[in-house]
C-alpha cells in the first residue's frame, strides 16, 4: 500500500516544519505550501489523502479554501483546520464550511498525530462502507423534491435550489433513510464526522436553512420533520 499523502498549507515556517516532521515520522508523504492561492491550486490539482489547513493565510484564508474545496465535485478531501484563534465563531464556521476536525494553536505533536490518524481512519471506514454497500440510486424523489446525486443538483417543483456542499450532504443523508430518526449528535458524527457535543447547534442551523430552501412552509415542514425530544427524520413516502 502506498504511503498516505498530506498537503499542509501553513504560513508559519516553524509550525510548518514541526508538522511536516511529525508527518514524516508517521510515514506520510507531504508537501508544505505557505500561501492560500498556491495551496488551493495544489489541493485541487493533486491526489491528497488529507489537507492540514491554517485558518489565517496570506492571499486566501483557510475558510475560503475550505468553502471552495467543498463546493467542487470530485473525491472528498478530509480537512484538519489549524488556527491561533479559539473563539466559538471560528470553530463553528470551520465546521459549517466542511472542516473534519479543528486544532487550536499551540498544540502538541502527539495531539496532531492523534487527530490525523482519527480522520484517516474515519475516511477509510467510510470508503469501505461505500464499497460494500449496494449501488445507491442516482436520483431521489419525494413529492416535489428532486435530488440528483450525479449532478449534485436539487429541484423543488422543477426549480433549482442553491445548496451549500454541507446542506446537500445533510439532505442526501436524510433522504437515503426516510422514516429513520437521527439525533443531533448522530448527524454531527455521520455528516460532519466530528463528535463534539458542544456543536449540535450547527446541525440546527443547517436544518433551518434547508427547510427555508426546500419546504413550501418551513414552519410546517413536509420533508425534514422534528421528532420532539429526539431529533429529526425525513418523511417516509405516503
Protein backbone atom coordinates (compact mmCIF):
# COMPACT_ATOMS: atom_id res chain seq x y z
CA UNK A 1 0.00 0.00 0.00
CA UNK A 2 1.41 3.40 -1.00
CA UNK A 3 2.01 5.93 1.81
CA UNK A 4 -0.65 8.50 2.64
CA UNK A 5 -0.12 11.90 1.03
CA UNK A 6 -0.77 15.00 3.14
CA UNK A 7 -0.84 18.61 1.95
CA UNK A 8 0.00 21.24 4.59
CA UNK A 9 -0.97 24.88 3.98
CA UNK A 10 0.68 26.87 6.77
CA UNK A 11 2.50 30.22 6.55
CA UNK A 12 4.34 30.00 9.89
CA UNK A 13 7.68 28.32 8.96
CA UNK A 14 8.30 26.95 12.46
CA UNK A 15 4.87 25.33 12.74
CA UNK A 16 5.08 24.07 9.17
CA UNK A 17 8.45 22.44 9.87
CA UNK A 18 7.19 20.75 13.05
CA UNK A 19 4.05 19.48 11.32
CA UNK A 20 5.94 18.04 8.37
CA UNK A 21 8.50 16.41 10.68
CA UNK A 22 5.63 14.71 12.53
CA UNK A 23 4.08 13.57 9.25
CA UNK A 24 7.42 12.11 8.17
CA UNK A 25 7.63 10.19 11.46
CA UNK A 26 4.18 8.77 10.71
CA UNK A 27 5.44 7.57 7.35
CA UNK A 28 3.36 10.01 5.25
CA UNK A 29 4.44 11.80 2.12
CA UNK A 30 3.87 15.54 2.48
CA UNK A 31 4.14 18.94 0.83
CA UNK A 32 4.24 22.30 2.63
CA UNK A 33 2.77 25.42 0.99
CA UNK A 34 2.89 28.86 2.62
CA UNK A 35 0.09 30.84 0.94
CA UNK A 36 -3.60 30.29 0.27
CA UNK A 37 -3.72 30.74 -3.51
CA UNK A 38 -0.89 28.30 -4.18
CA UNK A 39 -2.29 25.93 -1.56
CA UNK A 40 -5.74 25.85 -3.15
CA UNK A 41 -4.21 25.10 -6.55
CA UNK A 42 -2.22 22.23 -5.01
CA UNK A 43 -5.29 20.87 -3.22
CA UNK A 44 -7.37 20.94 -6.40
CA UNK A 45 -4.67 19.58 -8.68
CA UNK A 46 -3.09 16.82 -6.63
CA UNK A 47 -4.18 13.48 -5.23
CA UNK A 48 -4.11 14.04 -1.48
CA UNK A 49 -5.44 11.93 1.38
CA UNK A 50 -5.59 14.80 3.89
CA UNK A 51 -5.31 18.59 3.99
CA UNK A 52 -3.89 20.29 7.09
CA UNK A 53 -5.08 23.86 6.66
CA UNK A 54 -4.18 27.00 8.60
CA UNK A 55 -7.02 29.49 9.09
CA UNK A 56 -5.04 32.72 8.71
CA UNK A 57 -3.12 32.68 5.43
CA UNK A 58 -1.78 35.31 3.01
CA UNK A 59 -3.64 35.87 -0.29
CA UNK A 60 -6.54 33.49 0.54
CA UNK A 61 -7.65 32.43 4.03
CA UNK A 62 -8.38 28.90 5.20
CA UNK A 63 -12.15 29.36 5.42
CA UNK A 64 -12.32 30.40 1.75
CA UNK A 65 -10.14 27.44 0.75
CA UNK A 66 -12.37 25.08 2.72
CA UNK A 67 -15.51 26.57 1.16
CA UNK A 68 -14.17 26.27 -2.38
CA UNK A 69 -12.99 22.69 -1.93
CA UNK A 70 -16.34 21.60 -0.51
CA UNK A 71 -18.25 23.32 -3.34
CA UNK A 72 -16.39 21.46 -6.07
CA UNK A 73 -17.19 17.99 -7.32
CA UNK A 74 -14.82 15.03 -7.31
CA UNK A 75 -13.44 12.99 -4.46
CA UNK A 76 -13.75 14.04 -0.84
CA UNK A 77 -10.62 15.55 0.73
CA UNK A 78 -10.61 15.42 4.56
CA UNK A 79 -9.55 18.71 6.18
CA UNK A 80 -7.91 19.32 9.56
CA UNK A 81 -8.03 23.04 10.27
CA UNK A 82 -5.41 24.85 12.37
CA UNK A 83 -5.90 28.26 13.94
CA UNK A 84 -4.44 30.60 16.51
CA UNK A 85 -7.97 31.73 17.31
CA UNK A 86 -10.06 29.90 19.88
CA UNK A 87 -13.39 31.70 19.55
CA UNK A 88 -16.60 29.74 19.18
CA UNK A 89 -17.40 31.57 15.94
CA UNK A 90 -14.20 30.42 14.24
CA UNK A 91 -14.80 26.82 15.27
CA UNK A 92 -18.40 26.80 14.07
CA UNK A 93 -17.52 28.50 10.78
CA UNK A 94 -14.83 25.92 10.12
CA UNK A 95 -17.19 23.03 10.81
CA UNK A 96 -20.06 24.52 8.83
CA UNK A 97 -17.83 25.06 5.82
CA UNK A 98 -16.74 21.43 5.90
CA UNK A 99 -13.66 21.00 8.09
CA UNK A 100 -13.49 17.49 9.54
CA UNK A 101 -11.64 18.48 12.69
CA UNK A 102 -10.10 21.50 14.37
CA UNK A 103 -6.89 22.19 16.33
CA UNK A 104 -6.21 25.44 18.19
CA UNK A 105 -2.61 26.63 18.42
CA UNK A 106 -0.50 25.91 20.36
CA UNK A 107 -0.98 22.15 20.13
CA UNK A 108 1.28 19.18 20.78
CA UNK A 109 2.60 16.99 18.00
CA UNK A 110 1.12 13.98 19.79
CA UNK A 111 -2.31 15.59 19.59
CA UNK A 112 -1.77 16.41 15.92
CA UNK A 113 -0.79 12.80 15.21
CA UNK A 114 -3.87 11.51 17.03
CA UNK A 115 -6.21 13.80 15.09
CA UNK A 116 -4.60 12.93 11.75
CA UNK A 117 -4.88 9.20 12.42
CA UNK A 118 -8.53 9.56 13.55
CA UNK A 119 -9.53 11.48 10.41
CA UNK A 120 -7.83 9.00 8.09
CA UNK A 121 -9.35 6.07 10.00
CA UNK A 122 -12.86 7.54 9.64
CA UNK A 123 -12.26 8.11 5.93
CA UNK A 124 -11.10 4.51 5.47
CA UNK A 125 -14.20 3.20 7.26
CA UNK A 126 -16.43 5.41 5.13
CA UNK A 127 -14.81 4.30 1.88
CA UNK A 128 -15.06 0.65 2.91
CA UNK A 129 -18.75 1.07 3.77
CA UNK A 130 -19.44 2.74 0.42
CA UNK A 131 -17.62 -0.01 -1.45
CA UNK A 132 -19.56 -2.73 0.38
CA UNK A 133 -22.97 -1.08 0.08
CA UNK A 134 -25.31 -1.81 -2.84
CA UNK A 135 -25.39 0.84 -5.51
CA UNK A 136 -27.49 3.78 -4.38
CA UNK A 137 -29.97 5.39 -6.78
CA UNK A 138 -28.59 8.44 -8.56
CA UNK A 139 -31.97 10.17 -8.29
CA UNK A 140 -34.10 10.59 -5.17
CA UNK A 141 -37.62 12.00 -5.44
CA UNK A 142 -40.03 12.87 -2.64
CA UNK A 143 -43.11 14.76 -3.70
CA UNK A 144 -41.99 17.96 -5.43
CA UNK A 145 -38.42 17.47 -4.19
CA UNK A 146 -35.90 16.01 -6.64
CA UNK A 147 -32.28 15.23 -5.69
CA UNK A 148 -29.83 14.38 -8.47
CA UNK A 149 -26.73 12.86 -6.84
CA UNK A 150 -24.68 12.64 -10.03
CA UNK A 151 -25.21 16.28 -10.94
CA UNK A 152 -25.19 17.46 -7.32
CA UNK A 153 -28.45 19.32 -8.00
CA UNK A 154 -31.70 19.80 -6.09
CA UNK A 155 -35.02 20.97 -7.51
CA UNK A 156 -38.34 21.81 -5.90
CA UNK A 157 -41.32 21.83 -8.27
CA UNK A 158 -38.92 21.98 -11.20
CA UNK A 159 -36.99 25.00 -9.88
CA UNK A 160 -33.32 24.68 -8.97
CA UNK A 161 -32.38 25.17 -5.30
CA UNK A 162 -28.95 26.50 -4.39
CA UNK A 163 -27.48 24.47 -1.52
CA UNK A 164 -24.06 24.59 0.08
CA UNK A 165 -21.97 21.41 -0.03
CA UNK A 166 -22.79 20.57 3.58
CA UNK A 167 -26.53 21.31 3.14
CA UNK A 168 -26.58 18.97 0.14
CA UNK A 169 -24.73 16.27 2.07
CA UNK A 170 -27.12 16.57 5.01
CA UNK A 171 -30.19 16.43 2.76
CA UNK A 172 -28.90 13.31 0.97
CA UNK A 173 -28.13 11.67 4.32
CA UNK A 174 -31.75 12.21 5.37
CA UNK A 175 -33.30 11.26 2.03
CA UNK A 176 -31.44 7.94 1.85
CA UNK A 177 -33.07 6.82 5.12
CA UNK A 178 -36.69 8.02 5.06
CA UNK A 179 -38.51 7.49 8.34
CA UNK A 180 -35.34 6.96 10.37
CA UNK A 181 -34.90 9.32 13.33
CA UNK A 182 -31.46 10.86 13.79
CA UNK A 183 -30.33 12.64 16.92
CA UNK A 184 -28.30 15.82 16.55
CA UNK A 185 -25.23 14.02 17.85
CA UNK A 186 -25.66 11.25 15.24
CA UNK A 187 -25.99 13.77 12.42
CA UNK A 188 -22.96 15.68 13.64
CA UNK A 189 -20.91 12.48 13.71
CA UNK A 190 -22.20 10.97 10.46
CA UNK A 191 -22.33 14.10 8.29
CA UNK A 192 -19.62 16.27 9.82
CA UNK A 193 -17.53 13.44 11.24
CA UNK A 194 -16.92 15.46 14.38
CA UNK A 195 -18.19 14.14 17.69
CA UNK A 196 -18.21 17.16 19.96
CA UNK A 197 -21.38 17.65 21.97
CA UNK A 198 -20.93 21.43 22.00
CA UNK A 199 -21.68 21.84 18.30
CA UNK A 200 -25.18 20.38 17.94
CA UNK A 201 -26.42 23.90 17.18
CA UNK A 202 -24.50 23.62 13.88
CA UNK A 203 -26.96 20.85 12.93
CA UNK A 204 -29.91 23.03 13.94
CA UNK A 205 -28.76 25.97 11.81
CA UNK A 206 -28.24 23.75 8.74
CA UNK A 207 -31.67 22.16 9.11
CA UNK A 208 -33.32 25.57 9.46
CA UNK A 209 -31.61 26.78 6.28
CA UNK A 210 -32.54 23.58 4.44
CA UNK A 211 -36.18 23.98 5.42
CA UNK A 212 -36.20 27.56 4.20
CA UNK A 213 -34.91 26.37 0.83
CA UNK A 214 -36.85 23.15 0.17
CA UNK A 215 -40.07 23.35 2.20
CA UNK A 216 -43.22 25.02 0.93
CA UNK A 217 -43.95 26.07 4.53
CA UNK A 218 -40.80 25.91 6.70
CA UNK A 219 -42.94 26.30 9.83
CA UNK A 220 -44.76 23.06 8.93
CA UNK A 221 -42.11 21.04 7.09
CA UNK A 222 -43.24 18.18 4.87
CA UNK A 223 -39.79 16.66 4.37
CA UNK A 224 -37.43 17.25 7.30
CA UNK A 225 -39.58 16.77 10.38
CA UNK A 226 -38.78 17.32 14.05
CA UNK A 227 -39.30 14.41 16.43
CA UNK A 228 -39.62 16.29 19.68
CA UNK A 229 -37.17 15.29 22.37
CA UNK A 230 -35.25 13.02 19.97
CA UNK A 231 -34.08 14.66 16.74
CA UNK A 232 -35.11 14.77 13.08
CA UNK A 233 -36.31 12.46 10.31
CA UNK A 234 -37.03 12.62 6.60
CA UNK A 235 -40.69 11.90 5.98
CA UNK A 236 -41.47 8.42 4.62
CA UNK A 237 -43.35 8.26 1.33
CA UNK A 238 -47.10 8.24 1.75
